PDB file of N, CA and C in Angstrom:
ATOM      1  N   UNK A   1     -20.724   3.213   9.651  1.00  0.00           N
ATOM      2  CA  UNK A   1     -19.707   2.246   9.280  1.00  0.00           C
ATOM      3  C   UNK A   1     -18.904   2.797   8.103  1.00  0.00           C
ATOM      4  N   UNK A   2     -17.622   2.774   8.205  1.00  0.00           N
ATOM      5  CA  UNK A   2     -16.766   3.205   7.105  1.00  0.00           C
ATOM      6  C   UNK A   2     -16.534   2.031   6.162  1.00  0.00           C
ATOM      7  N   UNK A   3     -16.043   2.331   4.992  1.00  0.00           N
ATOM      8  CA  UNK A   3     -15.790   1.285   4.004  1.00  0.00           C
ATOM      9  C   UNK A   3     -14.699   0.342   4.508  1.00  0.00           C
ATOM     10  N   UNK A   4     -14.920  -0.948   4.282  1.00  0.00           N
ATOM     11  CA  UNK A   4     -13.960  -1.975   4.666  1.00  0.00           C
ATOM     12  C   UNK A   4     -13.982  -3.061   3.602  1.00  0.00           C
ATOM     13  N   UNK A   5     -12.907  -3.838   3.529  1.00  0.00           N
ATOM     14  CA  UNK A   5     -12.912  -4.909   2.546  1.00  0.00           C
ATOM     15  C   UNK A   5     -13.752  -6.075   3.074  1.00  0.00           C
ATOM     16  N   UNK A   6     -14.116  -6.988   2.199  1.00  0.00           N
ATOM     17  CA  UNK A   6     -15.025  -8.067   2.584  1.00  0.00           C
ATOM     18  C   UNK A   6     -14.410  -9.056   3.574  1.00  0.00           C
ATOM     19  N   UNK A   7     -13.092  -9.108   3.660  1.00  0.00           N
ATOM     20  CA  UNK A   7     -12.472  -9.987   4.652  1.00  0.00           C
ATOM     21  C   UNK A   7     -12.762  -9.516   6.072  1.00  0.00           C
ATOM     22  N   UNK A   8     -13.004  -8.216   6.233  1.00  0.00           N
ATOM     23  CA  UNK A   8     -13.257  -7.634   7.550  1.00  0.00           C
ATOM     24  C   UNK A   8     -14.743  -7.467   7.844  1.00  0.00           C
ATOM     25  N   UNK A   9     -15.598  -7.717   6.867  1.00  0.00           N
ATOM     26  CA  UNK A   9     -17.040  -7.468   7.011  1.00  0.00           C
ATOM     27  C   UNK A   9     -17.702  -8.561   7.859  1.00  0.00           C
ATOM     28  N   UNK A  10     -18.728  -8.175   8.626  1.00  0.00           N
ATOM     29  CA  UNK A  10     -19.464  -9.162   9.422  1.00  0.00           C
ATOM     30  C   UNK A  10     -20.379 -10.015   8.547  1.00  0.00           C
ATOM     31  N   UNK A  11     -20.651 -11.226   8.992  1.00  0.00           N
ATOM     32  CA  UNK A  11     -21.548 -12.118   8.270  1.00  0.00           C
ATOM     33  C   UNK A  11     -22.984 -11.612   8.321  1.00  0.00           C
ATOM     34  N   UNK A  12     -23.709 -11.861   7.247  1.00  0.00           N
ATOM     35  CA  UNK A  12     -25.148 -11.579   7.148  1.00  0.00           C
ATOM     36  C   UNK A  12     -25.511 -10.115   7.401  1.00  0.00           C
ATOM     37  N   UNK A  13     -24.604  -9.203   7.173  1.00  0.00           N
ATOM     38  CA  UNK A  13     -24.857  -7.775   7.366  1.00  0.00           C
ATOM     39  C   UNK A  13     -25.070  -7.146   5.994  1.00  0.00           C
ATOM     40  N   UNK A  14     -26.169  -6.422   5.769  1.00  0.00           N
ATOM     41  CA  UNK A  14     -26.372  -5.808   4.451  1.00  0.00           C
ATOM     42  C   UNK A  14     -25.307  -4.750   4.158  1.00  0.00           C
ATOM     43  N   UNK A  15     -24.650  -4.902   3.031  1.00  0.00           N
ATOM     44  CA  UNK A  15     -23.564  -4.015   2.627  1.00  0.00           C
ATOM     45  C   UNK A  15     -23.823  -3.479   1.231  1.00  0.00           C
ATOM     46  N   UNK A  16     -23.151  -2.382   0.909  1.00  0.00           N
ATOM     47  CA  UNK A  16     -23.191  -1.840  -0.442  1.00  0.00           C
ATOM     48  C   UNK A  16     -21.762  -1.686  -0.926  1.00  0.00           C
ATOM     49  N   UNK A  17     -21.496  -2.186  -2.120  1.00  0.00           N
ATOM     50  CA  UNK A  17     -20.160  -2.070  -2.696  1.00  0.00           C
ATOM     51  C   UNK A  17     -19.915  -0.613  -3.054  1.00  0.00           C
ATOM     52  N   UNK A  18     -18.821  -0.048  -2.516  1.00  0.00           N
ATOM     53  CA  UNK A  18     -18.509   1.357  -2.801  1.00  0.00           C
ATOM     54  C   UNK A  18     -17.338   1.508  -3.769  1.00  0.00           C
ATOM     55  N   UNK A  19     -16.450   0.530  -3.814  1.00  0.00           N
ATOM     56  CA  UNK A  19     -15.350   0.582  -4.780  1.00  0.00           C
ATOM     57  C   UNK A  19     -14.730  -0.798  -4.933  1.00  0.00           C
ATOM     58  N   UNK A  20     -14.021  -0.941  -6.041  1.00  0.00           N
ATOM     59  CA  UNK A  20     -13.281  -2.172  -6.309  1.00  0.00           C
ATOM     60  C   UNK A  20     -11.852  -1.768  -6.609  1.00  0.00           C
ATOM     61  N   UNK A  21     -10.945  -2.134  -5.707  1.00  0.00           N
ATOM     62  CA  UNK A  21      -9.533  -1.804  -5.866  1.00  0.00           C
ATOM     63  C   UNK A  21      -8.870  -2.916  -6.670  1.00  0.00           C
ATOM     64  N   UNK A  22      -8.601  -2.655  -7.902  1.00  0.00           N
ATOM     65  CA  UNK A  22      -7.982  -3.677  -8.737  1.00  0.00           C
ATOM     66  C   UNK A  22      -8.004  -3.242 -10.185  1.00  0.00           C
ATOM     67  N   UNK A  23      -7.375  -4.026 -10.981  1.00  0.00           N
ATOM     68  CA  UNK A  23      -7.286  -3.708 -12.397  1.00  0.00           C
ATOM     69  C   UNK A  23      -8.524  -4.112 -13.168  1.00  0.00           C
ATOM     70  N   UNK A  24      -8.428  -3.960 -14.464  1.00  0.00           N
ATOM     71  CA  UNK A  24      -9.547  -4.272 -15.351  1.00  0.00           C
ATOM     72  C   UNK A  24      -9.949  -5.741 -15.257  1.00  0.00           C
ATOM     73  N   UNK A  25      -8.986  -6.624 -15.057  1.00  0.00           N
ATOM     74  CA  UNK A  25      -9.286  -8.053 -14.951  1.00  0.00           C
ATOM     75  C   UNK A  25     -10.159  -8.376 -13.746  1.00  0.00           C
ATOM     76  N   UNK A  26      -9.861  -7.762 -12.612  1.00  0.00           N
ATOM     77  CA  UNK A  26     -10.656  -7.981 -11.403  1.00  0.00           C
ATOM     78  C   UNK A  26     -12.063  -7.437 -11.605  1.00  0.00           C
ATOM     79  N   UNK A  27     -12.157  -6.238 -12.148  1.00  0.00           N
ATOM     80  CA  UNK A  27     -13.479  -5.642 -12.385  1.00  0.00           C
ATOM     81  C   UNK A  27     -14.304  -6.471 -13.360  1.00  0.00           C
ATOM     82  N   UNK A  28     -13.673  -6.953 -14.403  1.00  0.00           N
ATOM     83  CA  UNK A  28     -14.370  -7.769 -15.404  1.00  0.00           C
ATOM     84  C   UNK A  28     -14.839  -9.084 -14.793  1.00  0.00           C
ATOM     85  N   UNK A  29     -13.991  -9.695 -13.968  1.00  0.00           N
ATOM     86  CA  UNK A  29     -14.357 -10.952 -13.304  1.00  0.00           C
ATOM     87  C   UNK A  29     -15.563 -10.756 -12.392  1.00  0.00           C
ATOM     88  N   UNK A  30     -15.554  -9.690 -11.593  1.00  0.00           N
ATOM     89  CA  UNK A  30     -16.670  -9.419 -10.696  1.00  0.00           C
ATOM     90  C   UNK A  30     -17.937  -9.057 -11.471  1.00  0.00           C
ATOM     91  N   UNK A  31     -17.792  -8.326 -12.569  1.00  0.00           N
ATOM     92  CA  UNK A  31     -18.938  -7.998 -13.403  1.00  0.00           C
ATOM     93  C   UNK A  31     -19.570  -9.270 -13.956  1.00  0.00           C
ATOM     94  N   UNK A  32     -18.732 -10.229 -14.371  1.00  0.00           N
ATOM     95  CA  UNK A  32     -19.263 -11.486 -14.915  1.00  0.00           C
ATOM     96  C   UNK A  32     -19.999 -12.297 -13.846  1.00  0.00           C
ATOM     97  N   UNK A  33     -19.654 -12.069 -12.572  1.00  0.00           N
ATOM     98  CA  UNK A  33     -20.348 -12.734 -11.464  1.00  0.00           C
ATOM     99  C   UNK A  33     -21.576 -11.947 -11.007  1.00  0.00           C
ATOM    100  N   UNK A  34     -21.793 -10.775 -11.591  1.00  0.00           N
ATOM    101  CA  UNK A  34     -22.943  -9.961 -11.234  1.00  0.00           C
ATOM    102  C   UNK A  34     -22.685  -8.972 -10.119  1.00  0.00           C
ATOM    103  N   UNK A  35     -21.425  -8.691  -9.804  1.00  0.00           N
ATOM    104  CA  UNK A  35     -21.081  -7.774  -8.716  1.00  0.00           C
ATOM    105  C   UNK A  35     -20.498  -6.481  -9.285  1.00  0.00           C
ATOM    106  N   UNK A  36     -21.157  -5.364  -8.959  1.00  0.00           N
ATOM    107  CA  UNK A  36     -20.744  -4.057  -9.454  1.00  0.00           C
ATOM    108  C   UNK A  36     -20.783  -3.040  -8.319  1.00  0.00           C
ATOM    109  N   UNK A  37     -20.119  -1.918  -8.513  1.00  0.00           N
ATOM    110  CA  UNK A  37     -20.178  -0.824  -7.542  1.00  0.00           C
ATOM    111  C   UNK A  37     -21.634  -0.373  -7.410  1.00  0.00           C
ATOM    112  N   UNK A  38     -22.088  -0.206  -6.174  1.00  0.00           N
ATOM    113  CA  UNK A  38     -23.456   0.205  -5.903  1.00  0.00           C
ATOM    114  C   UNK A  38     -24.396  -0.945  -5.569  1.00  0.00           C
ATOM    115  N   UNK A  39     -23.981  -2.178  -5.814  1.00  0.00           N
ATOM    116  CA  UNK A  39     -24.830  -3.336  -5.529  1.00  0.00           C
ATOM    117  C   UNK A  39     -24.934  -3.588  -4.034  1.00  0.00           C
ATOM    118  N   UNK A  40     -26.092  -4.090  -3.609  1.00  0.00           N
ATOM    119  CA  UNK A  40     -26.320  -4.465  -2.210  1.00  0.00           C
ATOM    120  C   UNK A  40     -26.022  -5.946  -2.051  1.00  0.00           C
ATOM    121  N   UNK A  41     -25.135  -6.272  -1.108  1.00  0.00           N
ATOM    122  CA  UNK A  41     -24.697  -7.650  -0.895  1.00  0.00           C
ATOM    123  C   UNK A  41     -24.695  -7.972   0.596  1.00  0.00           C
ATOM    124  N   UNK A  42     -24.486  -9.235   0.901  1.00  0.00           N
ATOM    125  CA  UNK A  42     -24.252  -9.673   2.273  1.00  0.00           C
ATOM    126  C   UNK A  42     -23.254 -10.813   2.223  1.00  0.00           C
ATOM    127  N   UNK A  43     -22.393 -10.868   3.200  1.00  0.00           N
ATOM    128  CA  UNK A  43     -21.430 -11.950   3.296  1.00  0.00           C
ATOM    129  C   UNK A  43     -22.158 -13.162   3.874  1.00  0.00           C
ATOM    130  N   UNK A  44     -22.344 -14.201   3.059  1.00  0.00           N
ATOM    131  CA  UNK A  44     -23.143 -15.354   3.455  1.00  0.00           C
ATOM    132  C   UNK A  44     -22.333 -16.415   4.181  1.00  0.00           C
ATOM    133  N   UNK A  45     -21.012 -16.441   3.989  1.00  0.00           N
ATOM    134  CA  UNK A  45     -20.200 -17.447   4.658  1.00  0.00           C
ATOM    135  C   UNK A  45     -18.736 -17.315   4.313  1.00  0.00           C
ATOM    136  N   UNK A  46     -17.936 -17.930   5.160  1.00  0.00           N
ATOM    137  CA  UNK A  46     -16.481 -17.965   4.943  1.00  0.00           C
ATOM    138  C   UNK A  46     -16.042 -19.419   4.906  1.00  0.00           C
ATOM    139  N   UNK A  47     -15.225 -19.755   3.926  1.00  0.00           N
ATOM    140  CA  UNK A  47     -14.691 -21.104   3.839  1.00  0.00           C
ATOM    141  C   UNK A  47     -13.703 -21.364   4.962  1.00  0.00           C
ATOM    142  N   UNK A  48     -13.656 -22.604   5.399  1.00  0.00           N
ATOM    143  CA  UNK A  48     -12.702 -22.964   6.452  1.00  0.00           C
ATOM    144  C   UNK A  48     -11.290 -22.998   5.879  1.00  0.00           C
ATOM    145  N   UNK A  49     -10.338 -22.827   6.738  1.00  0.00           N
ATOM    146  CA  UNK A  49      -8.916 -22.865   6.349  1.00  0.00           C
ATOM    147  C   UNK A  49      -8.597 -21.910   5.195  1.00  0.00           C
ATOM    148  N   UNK A  50      -9.070 -20.687   5.328  1.00  0.00           N
ATOM    149  CA  UNK A  50      -8.779 -19.630   4.365  1.00  0.00           C
ATOM    150  C   UNK A  50      -9.336 -19.916   2.988  1.00  0.00           C
ATOM    151  N   UNK A  51     -10.493 -20.551   2.933  1.00  0.00           N
ATOM    152  CA  UNK A  51     -11.176 -20.829   1.673  1.00  0.00           C
ATOM    153  C   UNK A  51     -11.916 -19.609   1.166  1.00  0.00           C
ATOM    154  N   UNK A  52     -12.730 -19.786   0.136  1.00  0.00           N
ATOM    155  CA  UNK A  52     -13.439 -18.659  -0.470  1.00  0.00           C
ATOM    156  C   UNK A  52     -14.542 -18.109   0.425  1.00  0.00           C
ATOM    157  N   UNK A  53     -15.008 -16.908   0.075  1.00  0.00           N
ATOM    158  CA  UNK A  53     -16.128 -16.273   0.758  1.00  0.00           C
ATOM    159  C   UNK A  53     -17.361 -16.391  -0.126  1.00  0.00           C
ATOM    160  N   UNK A  54     -18.506 -16.607   0.506  1.00  0.00           N
ATOM    161  CA  UNK A  54     -19.767 -16.644  -0.218  1.00  0.00           C
ATOM    162  C   UNK A  54     -20.428 -15.285  -0.092  1.00  0.00           C
ATOM    163  N   UNK A  55     -20.763 -14.695  -1.239  1.00  0.00           N
ATOM    164  CA  UNK A  55     -21.369 -13.375  -1.273  1.00  0.00           C
ATOM    165  C   UNK A  55     -22.768 -13.516  -1.847  1.00  0.00           C
ATOM    166  N   UNK A  56     -23.757 -13.063  -1.075  1.00  0.00           N
ATOM    167  CA  UNK A  56     -25.143 -13.088  -1.536  1.00  0.00           C
ATOM    168  C   UNK A  56     -25.503 -11.715  -2.087  1.00  0.00           C
ATOM    169  N   UNK A  57     -25.975 -11.686  -3.321  1.00  0.00           N
ATOM    170  CA  UNK A  57     -26.415 -10.444  -3.964  1.00  0.00           C
ATOM    171  C   UNK A  57     -27.860 -10.223  -3.535  1.00  0.00           C
ATOM    172  N   UNK A  58     -28.114  -9.200  -2.746  1.00  0.00           N
ATOM    173  CA  UNK A  58     -29.435  -8.989  -2.169  1.00  0.00           C
ATOM    174  C   UNK A  58     -30.480  -8.554  -3.191  1.00  0.00           C
ATOM    175  N   UNK A  59     -30.081  -7.958  -4.291  1.00  0.00           N
ATOM    176  CA  UNK A  59     -31.028  -7.510  -5.305  1.00  0.00           C
ATOM    177  C   UNK A  59     -31.355  -8.614  -6.304  1.00  0.00           C
ATOM    178  N   UNK A  60     -30.365  -9.404  -6.677  1.00  0.00           N
ATOM    179  CA  UNK A  60     -30.568 -10.456  -7.674  1.00  0.00           C
ATOM    180  C   UNK A  60     -30.932 -11.802  -7.060  1.00  0.00           C
ATOM    181  N   UNK A  61     -30.655 -11.981  -5.772  1.00  0.00           N
ATOM    182  CA  UNK A  61     -30.967 -13.245  -5.112  1.00  0.00           C
ATOM    183  C   UNK A  61     -30.021 -14.380  -5.461  1.00  0.00           C
ATOM    184  N   UNK A  62     -28.819 -14.055  -5.894  1.00  0.00           N
ATOM    185  CA  UNK A  62     -27.833 -15.092  -6.228  1.00  0.00           C
ATOM    186  C   UNK A  62     -26.724 -15.106  -5.175  1.00  0.00           C
ATOM    187  N   UNK A  63     -26.046 -16.224  -5.076  1.00  0.00           N
ATOM    188  CA  UNK A  63     -24.885 -16.342  -4.189  1.00  0.00           C
ATOM    189  C   UNK A  63     -23.708 -16.825  -5.015  1.00  0.00           C
ATOM    190  N   UNK A  64     -22.569 -16.148  -4.867  1.00  0.00           N
ATOM    191  CA  UNK A  64     -21.364 -16.509  -5.614  1.00  0.00           C
ATOM    192  C   UNK A  64     -20.207 -16.694  -4.635  1.00  0.00           C
ATOM    193  N   UNK A  65     -19.254 -17.513  -5.033  1.00  0.00           N
ATOM    194  CA  UNK A  65     -18.041 -17.718  -4.247  1.00  0.00           C
ATOM    195  C   UNK A  65     -16.923 -16.878  -4.843  1.00  0.00           C
ATOM    196  N   UNK A  66     -16.195 -16.185  -3.974  1.00  0.00           N
ATOM    197  CA  UNK A  66     -15.089 -15.323  -4.401  1.00  0.00           C
ATOM    198  C   UNK A  66     -13.880 -15.646  -3.544  1.00  0.00           C
ATOM    199  N   UNK A  67     -12.731 -15.786  -4.172  1.00  0.00           N
ATOM    200  CA  UNK A  67     -11.504 -16.041  -3.439  1.00  0.00           C
ATOM    201  C   UNK A  67     -11.125 -14.872  -2.546  1.00  0.00           C
ATOM    202  N   UNK A  68     -10.318 -15.139  -1.555  1.00  0.00           N
ATOM    203  CA  UNK A  68      -9.940 -14.111  -0.586  1.00  0.00           C
ATOM    204  C   UNK A  68      -9.135 -12.972  -1.214  1.00  0.00           C
ATOM    205  N   UNK A  69      -8.359 -13.251  -2.223  1.00  0.00           N
ATOM    206  CA  UNK A  69      -7.594 -12.191  -2.884  1.00  0.00           C
ATOM    207  C   UNK A  69      -8.489 -11.165  -3.538  1.00  0.00           C
ATOM    208  N   UNK A  70      -9.531 -11.632  -4.214  1.00  0.00           N
ATOM    209  CA  UNK A  70     -10.472 -10.715  -4.843  1.00  0.00           C
ATOM    210  C   UNK A  70     -11.366 -10.068  -3.793  1.00  0.00           C
ATOM    211  N   UNK A  71     -11.798 -10.817  -2.784  1.00  0.00           N
ATOM    212  CA  UNK A  71     -12.655 -10.271  -1.723  1.00  0.00           C
ATOM    213  C   UNK A  71     -11.962  -9.116  -1.001  1.00  0.00           C
ATOM    214  N   UNK A  72     -10.660  -9.199  -0.905  1.00  0.00           N
ATOM    215  CA  UNK A  72      -9.892  -8.150  -0.243  1.00  0.00           C
ATOM    216  C   UNK A  72      -9.933  -6.845  -1.033  1.00  0.00           C
ATOM    217  N   UNK A  73     -10.215  -6.938  -2.332  1.00  0.00           N
ATOM    218  CA  UNK A  73     -10.239  -5.751  -3.183  1.00  0.00           C
ATOM    219  C   UNK A  73     -11.620  -5.109  -3.282  1.00  0.00           C
ATOM    220  N   UNK A  74     -12.635  -5.760  -2.710  1.00  0.00           N
ATOM    221  CA  UNK A  74     -13.994  -5.220  -2.742  1.00  0.00           C
ATOM    222  C   UNK A  74     -14.225  -4.419  -1.464  1.00  0.00           C
ATOM    223  N   UNK A  75     -14.435  -3.115  -1.613  1.00  0.00           N
ATOM    224  CA  UNK A  75     -14.697  -2.243  -0.461  1.00  0.00           C
ATOM    225  C   UNK A  75     -16.194  -2.007  -0.366  1.00  0.00           C
ATOM    226  N   UNK A  76     -16.727  -2.205   0.859  1.00  0.00           N
ATOM    227  CA  UNK A  76     -18.169  -2.060   1.068  1.00  0.00           C
ATOM    228  C   UNK A  76     -18.434  -1.366   2.389  1.00  0.00           C
ATOM    229  N   UNK A  77     -19.620  -0.787   2.495  1.00  0.00           N
ATOM    230  CA  UNK A  77     -20.057  -0.172   3.747  1.00  0.00           C
ATOM    231  C   UNK A  77     -21.497  -0.580   3.997  1.00  0.00           C
ATOM    232  N   UNK A  78     -21.994  -0.279   5.189  1.00  0.00           N
ATOM    233  CA  UNK A  78     -23.354  -0.661   5.563  1.00  0.00           C
ATOM    234  C   UNK A  78     -24.349  -0.105   4.549  1.00  0.00           C
ATOM    235  N   UNK A  79     -25.282  -0.974   4.118  1.00  0.00           N
ATOM    236  CA  UNK A  79     -26.272  -0.572   3.125  1.00  0.00           C
ATOM    237  C   UNK A  79     -27.443   0.135   3.800  1.00  0.00           C
ATOM    238  N   UNK A  80     -28.046   0.996   3.038  1.00  0.00           N
ATOM    239  CA  UNK A  80     -29.252   1.672   3.501  1.00  0.00           C
ATOM    240  C   UNK A  80     -30.383   0.653   3.535  1.00  0.00           C
ATOM    241  N   UNK A  81     -31.036   0.487   4.676  1.00  0.00           N
ATOM    242  CA  UNK A  81     -32.073  -0.521   4.856  1.00  0.00           C
ATOM    243  C   UNK A  81     -33.322  -0.268   4.011  1.00  0.00           C
ATOM    244  N   UNK A  82     -33.512   0.942   3.521  1.00  0.00           N
ATOM    245  CA  UNK A  82     -34.699   1.242   2.734  1.00  0.00           C
ATOM    246  C   UNK A  82     -34.669   0.591   1.362  1.00  0.00           C
ATOM    247  N   UNK A  83     -33.457   0.097   0.958  1.00  0.00           N
ATOM    248  CA  UNK A  83     -33.317  -0.647  -0.259  1.00  0.00           C
ATOM    249  C   UNK A  83     -33.400   0.131  -1.503  1.00  0.00           C
TER     250      UNK A  83
END
């Protein structure tokens, strides 16, 4: 699987964040939510009518909501199952 943004990612598929396309503000916002490059995540849900996406952090066990604009800037690929 090649890197894709979270809007294109399948639900409940283990992913690893490979890059964040955005400025310092986007990176700081994601860092405050516990999301960094290299983290293992899964897309837990999509809001109806273009609402936010729910991202489950597989290492920390937390779930956060991220708007579609920011989700589009998070590039991820299939995570290694060995963890």
